[in-house]
N, C-alpha and C. Protein backbone atom coordinates (compact mmCIF):
# COMPACT_ATOMS: atom_id res chain seq x y z
N UNK A 1 0.82 -1.15 0.09
CA UNK A 1 -0.05 0.19 -0.12
C UNK A 1 0.63 1.16 0.17
N UNK A 2 1.99 1.05 0.81
CA UNK A 2 2.95 2.42 0.66
C UNK A 2 3.48 2.72 -0.62
N UNK A 3 3.50 1.81 -1.46
CA UNK A 3 4.23 1.96 -2.83
C UNK A 3 3.08 2.71 -3.87
N UNK A 4 1.81 2.82 -3.57
CA UNK A 4 0.91 3.53 -3.98
C UNK A 4 0.47 4.82 -3.45
N UNK A 5 1.12 5.25 -2.42
CA UNK A 5 0.78 6.45 -1.64
C UNK A 5 0.68 7.55 -2.56
N UNK A 6 1.82 7.74 -3.42
CA UNK A 6 1.83 8.88 -4.11
C UNK A 6 1.04 9.33 -5.15
N UNK A 7 0.48 7.81 -5.78
CA UNK A 7 -0.70 7.83 -6.91
C UNK A 7 -1.90 8.25 -6.38
N UNK A 8 -2.13 7.53 -5.04
CA UNK A 8 -3.50 7.97 -4.29
C UNK A 8 -3.67 9.61 -3.89
N UNK A 9 -2.54 10.07 -3.51
CA UNK A 9 -2.77 11.66 -3.36
C UNK A 9 -2.82 12.20 -4.61
N UNK A 10 -2.28 12.08 -5.69
CA UNK A 10 -2.59 12.80 -6.98
C UNK A 10 -3.74 12.59 -7.44
N UNK A 11 -4.46 11.30 -7.27
CA UNK A 11 -5.84 11.23 -7.59
C UNK A 11 -6.70 11.75 -6.60
N UNK A 12 -6.51 12.00 -5.43
CA UNK A 12 -7.31 12.55 -4.64
C UNK A 12 -7.53 14.27 -4.86
N UNK A 13 -6.27 14.50 -5.05
CA UNK A 13 -6.26 16.00 -5.51
C UNK A 13 -7.25 16.20 -6.78
N UNK A 14 -6.79 15.42 -7.82
CA UNK A 14 -7.48 15.68 -9.14
C UNK A 14 -8.94 15.62 -8.84
N UNK A 15 -9.35 14.71 -8.02
CA UNK A 15 -10.85 14.60 -7.75
C UNK A 15 -11.44 15.65 -6.92
N UNK A 16 -10.59 16.13 -6.16
CA UNK A 16 -11.14 17.44 -5.45
C UNK A 16 -11.33 18.73 -6.37
N UNK A 17 -10.45 18.76 -7.30
CA UNK A 17 -10.60 19.80 -8.52
C UNK A 17 -11.82 19.49 -9.26
N UNK A 18 -12.14 18.43 -9.46
CA UNK A 18 -13.31 17.91 -10.42
C UNK A 18 -14.44 18.31 -9.54
N UNK A 19 -14.70 17.89 -8.24
CA UNK A 19 -15.76 18.08 -7.57
C UNK A 19 -15.97 19.44 -7.17
N UNK A 20 -14.90 20.41 -7.07
CA UNK A 20 -15.02 21.72 -6.94
C UNK A 20 -15.52 22.50 -8.03
N UNK A 21 -15.27 21.90 -9.37
CA UNK A 21 -15.91 22.40 -10.40
C UNK A 21 -17.36 22.17 -10.60
N UNK A 22 -17.68 21.01 -10.29
CA UNK A 22 -19.27 20.59 -10.54
C UNK A 22 -20.05 21.04 -9.24
N UNK A 23 -19.36 21.38 -8.15
CA UNK A 23 -20.32 22.04 -6.90
C UNK A 23 -20.14 23.42 -7.08
N UNK A 24 -19.44 24.17 -7.91
CA UNK A 24 -19.06 25.34 -7.86
C UNK A 24 -18.36 26.06 -6.78
N UNK A 25 -17.26 25.28 -6.39
CA UNK A 25 -16.48 25.88 -5.24
C UNK A 25 -15.10 26.62 -5.93
N UNK A 26 -15.06 26.80 -7.17
CA UNK A 26 -13.99 27.38 -7.74
C UNK A 26 -13.45 28.70 -7.40
N UNK A 27 -14.22 29.23 -6.69
CA UNK A 27 -14.09 30.48 -6.18
C UNK A 27 -13.28 30.52 -4.88
N UNK A 28 -13.15 29.45 -4.21
CA UNK A 28 -12.57 29.41 -2.92
C UNK A 28 -10.99 28.83 -2.97
N UNK A 29 -10.11 29.71 -2.61
CA UNK A 29 -8.85 29.45 -2.99
C UNK A 29 -8.20 28.50 -2.03
N UNK A 30 -8.77 28.30 -0.81
CA UNK A 30 -8.42 27.41 0.20
C UNK A 30 -8.48 26.01 -0.33
N UNK A 31 -9.70 25.81 -0.92
CA UNK A 31 -10.04 24.37 -1.51
C UNK A 31 -9.12 24.05 -2.65
N UNK A 32 -8.92 24.88 -3.58
CA UNK A 32 -8.16 24.90 -4.77
C UNK A 32 -6.46 24.58 -4.19
N UNK A 33 -6.28 25.44 -3.35
CA UNK A 33 -4.69 25.17 -2.85
C UNK A 33 -4.43 23.87 -2.15
N UNK A 34 -5.43 23.40 -1.58
CA UNK A 34 -5.42 22.15 -0.78
C UNK A 34 -5.13 21.04 -1.77
N UNK A 35 -6.06 21.15 -2.80
CA UNK A 35 -6.01 20.13 -3.83
C UNK A 35 -4.73 20.23 -4.57
N UNK A 36 -4.05 21.31 -4.79
CA UNK A 36 -2.81 21.60 -5.41
C UNK A 36 -1.82 20.85 -4.56
N UNK A 37 -1.85 21.16 -3.34
CA UNK A 37 -0.78 20.65 -2.32
C UNK A 37 -0.98 19.28 -2.39
N UNK A 38 -1.99 18.59 -2.55
CA UNK A 38 -2.04 17.19 -2.23
C UNK A 38 -1.58 16.70 -3.48
N UNK A 39 -1.62 17.10 -4.72
CA UNK A 39 -1.00 16.76 -5.99
C UNK A 39 0.57 16.86 -6.09
N UNK A 40 1.03 17.83 -5.46
CA UNK A 40 2.44 18.32 -5.50
C UNK A 40 3.15 17.20 -4.38
N UNK A 41 2.54 17.07 -3.29
CA UNK A 41 3.00 16.15 -2.29
C UNK A 41 2.84 14.64 -2.68
N UNK A 42 1.89 14.37 -3.47
CA UNK A 42 1.99 12.92 -3.93
C UNK A 42 2.96 12.67 -5.06
N UNK A 43 3.01 14.04 -5.97
CA UNK A 43 4.13 13.65 -6.94
C UNK A 43 5.51 13.47 -6.42
N UNK A 44 5.83 14.27 -5.31
CA UNK A 44 7.22 14.22 -4.80
C UNK A 44 7.05 12.79 -4.10
N UNK A 45 6.10 12.25 -3.30
CA UNK A 45 6.07 10.95 -2.60
C UNK A 45 6.39 9.83 -3.64
N UNK A 46 5.75 9.87 -4.68
CA UNK A 46 5.79 8.90 -5.56
C UNK A 46 7.18 8.82 -6.16
N UNK A 47 8.17 10.15 -6.62
CA UNK A 47 9.39 10.15 -7.11
C UNK A 47 10.28 9.52 -5.85
N UNK A 48 10.00 9.90 -4.71
CA UNK A 48 11.03 9.42 -3.46
C UNK A 48 10.87 7.88 -3.36
N UNK A 49 9.72 7.34 -3.51
CA UNK A 49 9.26 5.92 -3.21
C UNK A 49 9.64 5.13 -4.42
N UNK A 50 9.71 5.83 -5.55
CA UNK A 50 10.24 4.96 -6.75
C UNK A 50 11.81 4.90 -6.46
N UNK A 51 12.30 6.18 -6.23
CA UNK A 51 13.99 5.76 -6.22
C UNK A 51 14.24 5.13 -4.95
N UNK A 52 13.53 4.83 -4.11
CA UNK A 52 14.10 4.06 -2.98
C UNK A 52 14.04 2.52 -3.36
N UNK A 53 12.98 2.13 -4.16
CA UNK A 53 12.56 0.82 -4.58
C UNK A 53 13.82 0.27 -5.47
N UNK A 54 14.45 1.19 -6.27
CA UNK A 54 15.10 0.62 -7.34
C UNK A 54 16.35 0.75 -7.08
């Protein structure tokens, strides 16, 4: 499960952005920044985990 942590965070961030579009929360910066942080943290985590396993 730890192997997929980065991918899960990226998908959660993307889902937050999609949901915010359909629920009309695009004007709230905190929500969008939270989604952006999840995506960036997920990307960094995925890179670090992939480096350690190889």
